[in-house]
Amino acid sequence: MNFFELRGTSIITERKINDISTIKSKMESRLNSMKARTYVSGNVIEFKTISILSVSGYIETNPILFRIYKEGNIIIDKQKEELKISWTVKLDSLYFFALCCSVIAGTAISLYANAELVISVGSGILFFLMFVFIGIVLIKAQLDDLINSSVYRNYY
């Protein structure tokens, strides 16, 4: 288990699924709509997303204040009667973002509450764990939604 990667696997055995080329094209178009750069080779889709955070008053001098990179891959594999979709997302930027927010939160608590060092460090660790947990849950939810919307046929 790699601490800097989040992995998941979906095994689909139902009959109402699209073929692999349709699944790949739907995933690629959905990732592109989320402003992700995609690279498709065989049954592997690699993606990179760049989110840019900026402050409104700071735009005139420097338009880019903070970039968040999300990258990973999705592997689609057909095995007999099953469709196996494995995904991997790197968590480097999530940890960095959570660390920055937890340092700010710990500092704010120590300044506002005039707290001791132990309380501010403890609250910083608590905020770090909270941000990482929320980030992992959001990443899993986005990828499950991406997989479900791409795999199953739409009947309208």
N, C-alpha and C. Protein backbone atom coordinates (compact mmCIF):
# COMPACT_ATOMS: atom_id res chain seq x y z
N MET A 1 0.84 -1.18 0.00
CA MET A 1 0.00 0.00 0.00
C MET A 1 0.88 1.24 0.00
N ASN A 2 0.65 2.07 -0.96
CA ASN A 2 1.40 3.31 -1.07
C ASN A 2 0.62 4.43 -0.38
N PHE A 3 1.30 5.15 0.48
CA PHE A 3 0.67 6.20 1.27
C PHE A 3 0.29 7.41 0.42
N PHE A 4 0.96 7.59 -0.71
CA PHE A 4 0.73 8.75 -1.56
C PHE A 4 -0.18 8.45 -2.75
N GLU A 5 -0.83 7.30 -2.75
CA GLU A 5 -1.76 6.95 -3.82
C GLU A 5 -3.04 6.39 -3.25
N LEU A 6 -4.13 6.70 -3.89
CA LEU A 6 -5.44 6.16 -3.54
C LEU A 6 -5.86 5.25 -4.69
N ARG A 7 -6.22 4.01 -4.36
CA ARG A 7 -6.57 3.03 -5.39
C ARG A 7 -7.97 2.51 -5.16
N GLY A 8 -8.60 2.09 -6.24
CA GLY A 8 -9.91 1.49 -6.15
C GLY A 8 -10.16 0.61 -7.35
N THR A 9 -11.07 -0.34 -7.19
CA THR A 9 -11.40 -1.27 -8.26
C THR A 9 -12.90 -1.50 -8.27
N SER A 10 -13.48 -1.50 -9.46
CA SER A 10 -14.89 -1.82 -9.63
C SER A 10 -14.98 -3.01 -10.57
N ILE A 11 -15.72 -4.02 -10.16
CA ILE A 11 -15.95 -5.18 -11.01
C ILE A 11 -17.43 -5.19 -11.37
N ILE A 12 -17.70 -5.16 -12.66
CA ILE A 12 -19.08 -5.05 -13.13
C ILE A 12 -19.43 -6.32 -13.90
N THR A 13 -20.50 -6.97 -13.48
CA THR A 13 -20.91 -8.24 -14.11
C THR A 13 -22.27 -8.13 -14.80
N GLU A 14 -22.84 -6.96 -14.84
CA GLU A 14 -24.17 -6.78 -15.41
C GLU A 14 -24.11 -6.72 -16.93
N ARG A 15 -25.25 -6.91 -17.55
CA ARG A 15 -25.30 -6.95 -19.01
C ARG A 15 -25.55 -5.59 -19.65
N LYS A 16 -26.07 -4.64 -18.93
CA LYS A 16 -26.42 -3.34 -19.50
C LYS A 16 -25.25 -2.38 -19.47
N ILE A 17 -24.13 -2.81 -20.01
CA ILE A 17 -22.96 -1.94 -20.03
C ILE A 17 -22.55 -1.65 -21.47
N ASN A 18 -21.85 -0.56 -21.64
CA ASN A 18 -21.34 -0.18 -22.96
C ASN A 18 -20.11 -1.02 -23.29
N ASP A 19 -19.69 -0.98 -24.55
CA ASP A 19 -18.44 -1.64 -24.91
C ASP A 19 -17.26 -0.78 -24.46
N ILE A 20 -16.07 -1.34 -24.50
CA ILE A 20 -14.89 -0.67 -23.93
C ILE A 20 -14.56 0.63 -24.65
N SER A 21 -14.69 0.66 -25.97
CA SER A 21 -14.36 1.89 -26.70
C SER A 21 -15.34 3.02 -26.34
N THR A 22 -16.60 2.69 -26.14
CA THR A 22 -17.58 3.71 -25.72
C THR A 22 -17.29 4.19 -24.31
N ILE A 23 -16.93 3.26 -23.43
CA ILE A 23 -16.58 3.62 -22.05
C ILE A 23 -15.38 4.56 -22.04
N LYS A 24 -14.36 4.22 -22.82
CA LYS A 24 -13.17 5.07 -22.88
C LYS A 24 -13.49 6.46 -23.41
N SER A 25 -14.29 6.53 -24.47
CA SER A 25 -14.61 7.85 -25.04
C SER A 25 -15.47 8.67 -24.09
N LYS A 26 -16.42 8.01 -23.37
CA LYS A 26 -17.24 8.75 -22.39
C LYS A 26 -16.38 9.25 -21.23
N MET A 27 -15.47 8.40 -20.74
CA MET A 27 -14.59 8.83 -19.64
C MET A 27 -13.69 9.98 -20.08
N GLU A 28 -13.16 9.86 -21.29
CA GLU A 28 -12.27 10.91 -21.79
C GLU A 28 -13.02 12.23 -21.96
N SER A 29 -14.23 12.19 -22.50
CA SER A 29 -14.98 13.44 -22.68
C SER A 29 -15.41 14.02 -21.33
N ARG A 30 -15.74 13.17 -20.39
CA ARG A 30 -16.14 13.66 -19.05
C ARG A 30 -14.93 14.26 -18.32
N LEU A 31 -13.77 13.61 -18.44
CA LEU A 31 -12.56 14.17 -17.83
C LEU A 31 -12.17 15.48 -18.48
N ASN A 32 -12.34 15.57 -19.81
CA ASN A 32 -12.04 16.82 -20.50
C ASN A 32 -12.99 17.93 -20.09
N SER A 33 -14.26 17.58 -19.79
CA SER A 33 -15.19 18.60 -19.32
C SER A 33 -14.83 19.11 -17.92
N MET A 34 -14.08 18.29 -17.16
CA MET A 34 -13.59 18.72 -15.85
C MET A 34 -12.22 19.40 -15.97
N LYS A 35 -11.86 19.78 -17.19
CA LYS A 35 -10.60 20.46 -17.49
C LYS A 35 -9.38 19.61 -17.13
N ALA A 36 -9.46 18.34 -17.49
CA ALA A 36 -8.34 17.42 -17.26
C ALA A 36 -7.70 17.11 -18.60
N ARG A 37 -6.42 16.99 -18.60
CA ARG A 37 -5.70 16.54 -19.79
C ARG A 37 -5.67 15.03 -19.75
N THR A 38 -6.08 14.40 -20.84
CA THR A 38 -6.14 12.93 -20.87
C THR A 38 -5.21 12.39 -21.94
N TYR A 39 -4.63 11.23 -21.62
CA TYR A 39 -3.80 10.49 -22.56
C TYR A 39 -4.29 9.05 -22.55
N VAL A 40 -4.76 8.59 -23.72
CA VAL A 40 -5.31 7.24 -23.83
C VAL A 40 -4.33 6.39 -24.60
N SER A 41 -3.95 5.26 -23.98
CA SER A 41 -3.10 4.29 -24.68
C SER A 41 -3.58 2.90 -24.31
N GLY A 42 -4.10 2.18 -25.30
CA GLY A 42 -4.65 0.86 -25.03
C GLY A 42 -5.89 0.98 -24.18
N ASN A 43 -5.91 0.28 -23.07
CA ASN A 43 -7.04 0.35 -22.14
C ASN A 43 -6.71 1.16 -20.90
N VAL A 44 -5.75 2.06 -21.01
CA VAL A 44 -5.34 2.90 -19.89
C VAL A 44 -5.62 4.36 -20.23
N ILE A 45 -6.30 5.04 -19.33
CA ILE A 45 -6.55 6.48 -19.47
C ILE A 45 -5.79 7.19 -18.36
N GLU A 46 -4.81 8.00 -18.74
CA GLU A 46 -4.07 8.80 -17.77
C GLU A 46 -4.63 10.22 -17.81
N PHE A 47 -4.78 10.82 -16.63
CA PHE A 47 -5.34 12.17 -16.58
C PHE A 47 -4.55 13.03 -15.62
N LYS A 48 -4.56 14.33 -15.92
CA LYS A 48 -3.97 15.35 -15.06
C LYS A 48 -4.92 16.53 -15.04
N THR A 49 -5.24 16.99 -13.85
CA THR A 49 -6.11 18.14 -13.68
C THR A 49 -5.33 19.24 -12.98
N ILE A 50 -5.43 20.44 -13.49
CA ILE A 50 -4.77 21.57 -12.85
C ILE A 50 -5.85 22.56 -12.44
N SER A 51 -5.99 22.78 -11.14
CA SER A 51 -6.92 23.78 -10.62
C SER A 51 -6.09 24.97 -10.16
N ILE A 52 -6.51 26.15 -10.53
CA ILE A 52 -5.78 27.36 -10.17
C ILE A 52 -6.61 28.16 -9.20
N LEU A 53 -6.03 28.42 -8.04
CA LEU A 53 -6.69 29.26 -7.03
C LEU A 53 -6.00 30.61 -7.02
N SER A 54 -6.78 31.66 -7.05
CA SER A 54 -6.18 32.99 -7.00
C SER A 54 -7.03 33.89 -6.10
N VAL A 55 -6.40 34.93 -5.63
CA VAL A 55 -7.07 35.90 -4.77
C VAL A 55 -7.45 37.10 -5.64
N SER A 56 -8.64 37.65 -5.45
CA SER A 56 -9.15 38.68 -6.35
C SER A 56 -8.27 39.94 -6.39
N GLY A 57 -7.74 40.38 -5.28
CA GLY A 57 -6.92 41.58 -5.27
C GLY A 57 -5.51 41.34 -5.77
N TYR A 58 -5.12 40.09 -5.87
CA TYR A 58 -3.76 39.73 -6.24
C TYR A 58 -3.63 39.43 -7.72
N ILE A 59 -4.74 39.44 -8.46
CA ILE A 59 -4.73 39.03 -9.86
C ILE A 59 -3.95 40.00 -10.74
N GLU A 60 -3.98 41.27 -10.47
CA GLU A 60 -3.35 42.25 -11.35
C GLU A 60 -1.84 42.02 -11.47
N THR A 61 -1.19 41.66 -10.39
CA THR A 61 0.26 41.51 -10.45
C THR A 61 0.69 40.08 -10.77
N ASN A 62 -0.04 39.11 -10.26
CA ASN A 62 0.31 37.71 -10.50
C ASN A 62 -0.98 36.89 -10.60
N PRO A 63 -1.35 36.47 -11.80
CA PRO A 63 -2.65 35.80 -11.95
C PRO A 63 -2.72 34.41 -11.31
N ILE A 64 -1.60 33.78 -11.07
CA ILE A 64 -1.60 32.43 -10.52
C ILE A 64 -1.00 32.47 -9.12
N LEU A 65 -1.84 32.17 -8.14
CA LEU A 65 -1.36 32.16 -6.76
C LEU A 65 -1.03 30.76 -6.30
N PHE A 66 -1.88 29.81 -6.63
CA PHE A 66 -1.71 28.46 -6.10
C PHE A 66 -2.29 27.47 -7.09
N ARG A 67 -1.55 26.44 -7.43
CA ARG A 67 -2.02 25.42 -8.37
C ARG A 67 -2.18 24.10 -7.63
N ILE A 68 -3.26 23.41 -7.93
CA ILE A 68 -3.50 22.09 -7.36
C ILE A 68 -3.48 21.09 -8.50
N TYR A 69 -2.62 20.11 -8.41
CA TYR A 69 -2.51 19.10 -9.44
C TYR A 69 -3.16 17.80 -8.95
N LYS A 70 -4.01 17.23 -9.77
CA LYS A 70 -4.56 15.91 -9.50
C LYS A 70 -4.19 15.06 -10.70
N GLU A 71 -3.59 13.94 -10.44
CA GLU A 71 -3.24 13.07 -11.55
C GLU A 71 -3.43 11.62 -11.15
N GLY A 72 -3.70 10.82 -12.16
CA GLY A 72 -3.93 9.41 -11.91
C GLY A 72 -4.18 8.68 -13.21
N ASN A 73 -4.66 7.45 -13.08
CA ASN A 73 -4.98 6.68 -14.27
C ASN A 73 -6.15 5.74 -14.00
N ILE A 74 -6.79 5.34 -15.08
CA ILE A 74 -7.91 4.42 -15.04
C ILE A 74 -7.60 3.29 -16.01
N ILE A 75 -7.68 2.05 -15.53
CA ILE A 75 -7.38 0.88 -16.36
C ILE A 75 -8.67 0.09 -16.54
N ILE A 76 -9.04 -0.15 -17.79
CA ILE A 76 -10.25 -0.91 -18.12
C ILE A 76 -9.81 -2.27 -18.65
N ASP A 77 -10.28 -3.32 -18.01
CA ASP A 77 -9.86 -4.67 -18.37
C ASP A 77 -11.09 -5.56 -18.49
N LYS A 78 -11.22 -6.26 -19.60
CA LYS A 78 -12.34 -7.18 -19.82
C LYS A 78 -11.86 -8.59 -19.53
N GLN A 79 -12.53 -9.24 -18.58
CA GLN A 79 -12.19 -10.61 -18.20
C GLN A 79 -13.44 -11.47 -18.32
N LYS A 80 -13.45 -12.37 -19.25
CA LYS A 80 -14.58 -13.28 -19.51
C LYS A 80 -15.91 -12.55 -19.48
N GLU A 81 -16.68 -12.69 -18.44
CA GLU A 81 -18.00 -12.06 -18.32
C GLU A 81 -17.98 -10.81 -17.46
N GLU A 82 -16.82 -10.38 -17.03
CA GLU A 82 -16.71 -9.25 -16.13
C GLU A 82 -15.94 -8.10 -16.76
N LEU A 83 -16.23 -6.93 -16.27
CA LEU A 83 -15.49 -5.74 -16.65
C LEU A 83 -14.83 -5.20 -15.39
N LYS A 84 -13.51 -5.15 -15.39
CA LYS A 84 -12.77 -4.70 -14.21
C LYS A 84 -12.18 -3.32 -14.52
N ILE A 85 -12.55 -2.34 -13.69
CA ILE A 85 -12.05 -0.98 -13.85
C ILE A 85 -11.27 -0.63 -12.59
N SER A 86 -9.97 -0.42 -12.75
CA SER A 86 -9.09 -0.06 -11.64
C SER A 86 -8.64 1.38 -11.83
N TRP A 87 -8.56 2.12 -10.75
CA TRP A 87 -8.12 3.51 -10.83
C TRP A 87 -7.12 3.80 -9.73
N THR A 88 -6.26 4.76 -10.02
CA THR A 88 -5.25 5.22 -9.08
C THR A 88 -5.17 6.74 -9.17
N VAL A 89 -5.15 7.40 -8.02
CA VAL A 89 -5.02 8.86 -7.97
C VAL A 89 -3.89 9.19 -6.99
N LYS A 90 -3.01 10.08 -7.40
CA LYS A 90 -1.93 10.51 -6.52
C LYS A 90 -2.45 11.55 -5.53
N LEU A 91 -1.99 11.45 -4.29
CA LEU A 91 -2.51 12.31 -3.22
C LEU A 91 -1.51 13.38 -2.76
N ASP A 92 -0.47 13.62 -3.51
CA ASP A 92 0.56 14.59 -3.10
C ASP A 92 -0.03 15.98 -2.86
N SER A 93 -0.80 16.48 -3.82
CA SER A 93 -1.33 17.84 -3.67
C SER A 93 -2.39 17.91 -2.58
N LEU A 94 -3.13 16.82 -2.34
CA LEU A 94 -4.11 16.81 -1.25
C LEU A 94 -3.40 16.96 0.09
N TYR A 95 -2.31 16.23 0.28
CA TYR A 95 -1.56 16.34 1.54
C TYR A 95 -0.98 17.73 1.72
N PHE A 96 -0.46 18.31 0.65
CA PHE A 96 0.11 19.65 0.74
C PHE A 96 -0.96 20.68 1.09
N PHE A 97 -2.11 20.60 0.42
CA PHE A 97 -3.20 21.52 0.67
C PHE A 97 -3.73 21.36 2.10
N ALA A 98 -3.87 20.11 2.56
CA ALA A 98 -4.34 19.86 3.92
C ALA A 98 -3.33 20.38 4.95
N LEU A 99 -2.04 20.22 4.67
CA LEU A 99 -1.01 20.72 5.57
C LEU A 99 -1.05 22.24 5.67
N CYS A 100 -1.20 22.92 4.54
CA CYS A 100 -1.28 24.39 4.56
C CYS A 100 -2.50 24.86 5.34
N CYS A 101 -3.65 24.23 5.09
CA CYS A 101 -4.87 24.64 5.80
C CYS A 101 -4.79 24.33 7.29
N SER A 102 -4.17 23.22 7.64
CA SER A 102 -4.07 22.87 9.07
C SER A 102 -3.11 23.79 9.80
N VAL A 103 -2.04 24.22 9.14
CA VAL A 103 -1.13 25.18 9.76
C VAL A 103 -1.84 26.51 9.99
N ILE A 104 -2.60 26.95 9.01
CA ILE A 104 -3.35 28.20 9.16
C ILE A 104 -4.38 28.07 10.27
N ALA A 105 -5.10 26.94 10.31
CA ALA A 105 -6.13 26.74 11.34
C ALA A 105 -5.50 26.65 12.73
N GLY A 106 -4.40 25.92 12.86
CA GLY A 106 -3.72 25.83 14.16
C GLY A 106 -3.19 27.16 14.64
N THR A 107 -2.65 27.95 13.71
CA THR A 107 -2.16 29.28 14.06
C THR A 107 -3.30 30.20 14.46
N ALA A 108 -4.40 30.13 13.73
CA ALA A 108 -5.55 30.97 14.05
C ALA A 108 -6.13 30.62 15.42
N ILE A 109 -6.19 29.33 15.74
CA ILE A 109 -6.71 28.92 17.04
C ILE A 109 -5.79 29.38 18.16
N SER A 110 -4.49 29.25 17.94
CA SER A 110 -3.56 29.67 19.01
C SER A 110 -3.58 31.18 19.21
N LEU A 111 -3.76 31.96 18.14
CA LEU A 111 -3.81 33.41 18.28
C LEU A 111 -5.14 33.88 18.84
N TYR A 112 -6.22 33.28 18.39
CA TYR A 112 -7.55 33.71 18.82
C TYR A 112 -7.84 33.29 20.26
N ALA A 113 -7.54 32.05 20.58
CA ALA A 113 -7.88 31.53 21.91
C ALA A 113 -6.75 31.73 22.91
N ASN A 114 -5.63 32.28 22.45
CA ASN A 114 -4.47 32.46 23.32
C ASN A 114 -4.11 31.13 23.98
N ALA A 115 -4.10 30.09 23.14
CA ALA A 115 -3.93 28.72 23.63
C ALA A 115 -2.46 28.36 23.71
N GLU A 116 -2.20 27.28 24.40
CA GLU A 116 -0.84 26.76 24.52
C GLU A 116 -0.44 26.06 23.23
N LEU A 117 0.83 25.74 23.15
CA LEU A 117 1.38 25.11 21.96
C LEU A 117 0.78 23.73 21.73
N VAL A 118 0.53 22.99 22.78
CA VAL A 118 -0.02 21.64 22.65
C VAL A 118 -1.42 21.69 22.03
N ILE A 119 -2.22 22.65 22.44
CA ILE A 119 -3.58 22.77 21.90
C ILE A 119 -3.55 23.18 20.43
N SER A 120 -2.67 24.11 20.06
CA SER A 120 -2.62 24.54 18.66
C SER A 120 -2.06 23.45 17.76
N VAL A 121 -1.07 22.70 18.22
CA VAL A 121 -0.53 21.59 17.42
C VAL A 121 -1.58 20.48 17.31
N GLY A 122 -2.26 20.19 18.41
CA GLY A 122 -3.30 19.16 18.37
C GLY A 122 -4.44 19.53 17.44
N SER A 123 -4.85 20.80 17.47
CA SER A 123 -5.90 21.22 16.55
C SER A 123 -5.41 21.23 15.11
N GLY A 124 -4.15 21.55 14.89
CA GLY A 124 -3.58 21.48 13.54
C GLY A 124 -3.59 20.07 12.99
N ILE A 125 -3.23 19.11 13.83
CA ILE A 125 -3.25 17.70 13.42
C ILE A 125 -4.68 17.24 13.15
N LEU A 126 -5.60 17.67 14.00
CA LEU A 126 -7.01 17.33 13.81
C LEU A 126 -7.54 17.90 12.49
N PHE A 127 -7.23 19.15 12.19
CA PHE A 127 -7.65 19.74 10.93
C PHE A 127 -7.00 19.03 9.74
N PHE A 128 -5.72 18.65 9.85
CA PHE A 128 -5.06 17.94 8.76
C PHE A 128 -5.79 16.63 8.46
N LEU A 129 -6.07 15.85 9.50
CA LEU A 129 -6.76 14.58 9.30
C LEU A 129 -8.16 14.79 8.73
N MET A 130 -8.84 15.83 9.18
CA MET A 130 -10.18 16.12 8.67
C MET A 130 -10.13 16.49 7.18
N PHE A 131 -9.19 17.35 6.79
CA PHE A 131 -9.09 17.74 5.38
C PHE A 131 -8.71 16.56 4.50
N VAL A 132 -7.80 15.70 4.96
CA VAL A 132 -7.42 14.53 4.17
C VAL A 132 -8.60 13.57 4.02
N PHE A 133 -9.33 13.33 5.10
CA PHE A 133 -10.48 12.42 5.03
C PHE A 133 -11.54 12.96 4.07
N ILE A 134 -11.86 14.24 4.17
CA ILE A 134 -12.85 14.83 3.27
C ILE A 134 -12.38 14.78 1.82
N GLY A 135 -11.10 15.04 1.59
CA GLY A 135 -10.55 14.98 0.24
C GLY A 135 -10.62 13.59 -0.36
N ILE A 136 -10.29 12.57 0.43
CA ILE A 136 -10.35 11.19 -0.05
C ILE A 136 -11.78 10.79 -0.37
N VAL A 137 -12.72 11.18 0.48
CA VAL A 137 -14.13 10.86 0.23
C VAL A 137 -14.61 11.53 -1.06
N LEU A 138 -14.23 12.79 -1.27
CA LEU A 138 -14.64 13.50 -2.49
C LEU A 138 -14.02 12.89 -3.74
N ILE A 139 -12.76 12.48 -3.66
CA ILE A 139 -12.10 11.84 -4.81
C ILE A 139 -12.80 10.53 -5.14
N LYS A 140 -13.08 9.71 -4.14
CA LYS A 140 -13.78 8.44 -4.39
C LYS A 140 -15.16 8.66 -4.99
N ALA A 141 -15.89 9.65 -4.49
CA ALA A 141 -17.23 9.92 -5.01
C ALA A 141 -17.17 10.39 -6.46
N GLN A 142 -16.19 11.25 -6.80
CA GLN A 142 -16.06 11.71 -8.18
C GLN A 142 -15.72 10.57 -9.12
N LEU A 143 -14.81 9.70 -8.72
CA LEU A 143 -14.43 8.60 -9.60
C LEU A 143 -15.53 7.56 -9.72
N ASP A 144 -16.26 7.28 -8.65
CA ASP A 144 -17.39 6.37 -8.76
C ASP A 144 -18.46 6.93 -9.69
N ASP A 145 -18.72 8.23 -9.60
CA ASP A 145 -19.68 8.86 -10.50
C ASP A 145 -19.19 8.81 -11.94
N LEU A 146 -17.91 9.05 -12.16
CA LEU A 146 -17.33 8.99 -13.50
C LEU A 146 -17.48 7.58 -14.08
N ILE A 147 -17.17 6.57 -13.29
CA ILE A 147 -17.25 5.19 -13.76
C ILE A 147 -18.70 4.80 -14.05
N ASN A 148 -19.61 5.11 -13.13
CA ASN A 148 -21.02 4.72 -13.32
C ASN A 148 -21.65 5.43 -14.51
N SER A 149 -21.33 6.69 -14.72
CA SER A 149 -21.92 7.40 -15.85
C SER A 149 -21.33 6.97 -17.19
N SER A 150 -20.14 6.39 -17.17
CA SER A 150 -19.50 5.96 -18.41
C SER A 150 -19.80 4.51 -18.75
N VAL A 151 -19.99 3.68 -17.76
CA VAL A 151 -20.13 2.24 -17.99
C VAL A 151 -21.54 1.86 -18.43
N TYR A 152 -22.53 2.36 -17.74
CA TYR A 152 -23.90 1.92 -18.00
C TYR A 152 -24.53 2.67 -19.15
N ARG A 153 -25.33 1.95 -19.94
CA ARG A 153 -26.03 2.54 -21.06
C ARG A 153 -27.12 3.47 -20.58
N ASN A 154 -27.31 4.54 -21.31
CA ASN A 154 -28.37 5.49 -20.98
C ASN A 154 -29.57 5.22 -21.89
N TYR A 155 -30.70 4.98 -21.30
CA TYR A 155 -31.93 4.77 -22.07
C TYR A 155 -32.85 5.96 -21.83
N TYR A 156 -33.09 6.72 -22.88
CA TYR A 156 -33.99 7.87 -22.75
C TYR A 156 -35.15 7.70 -23.69
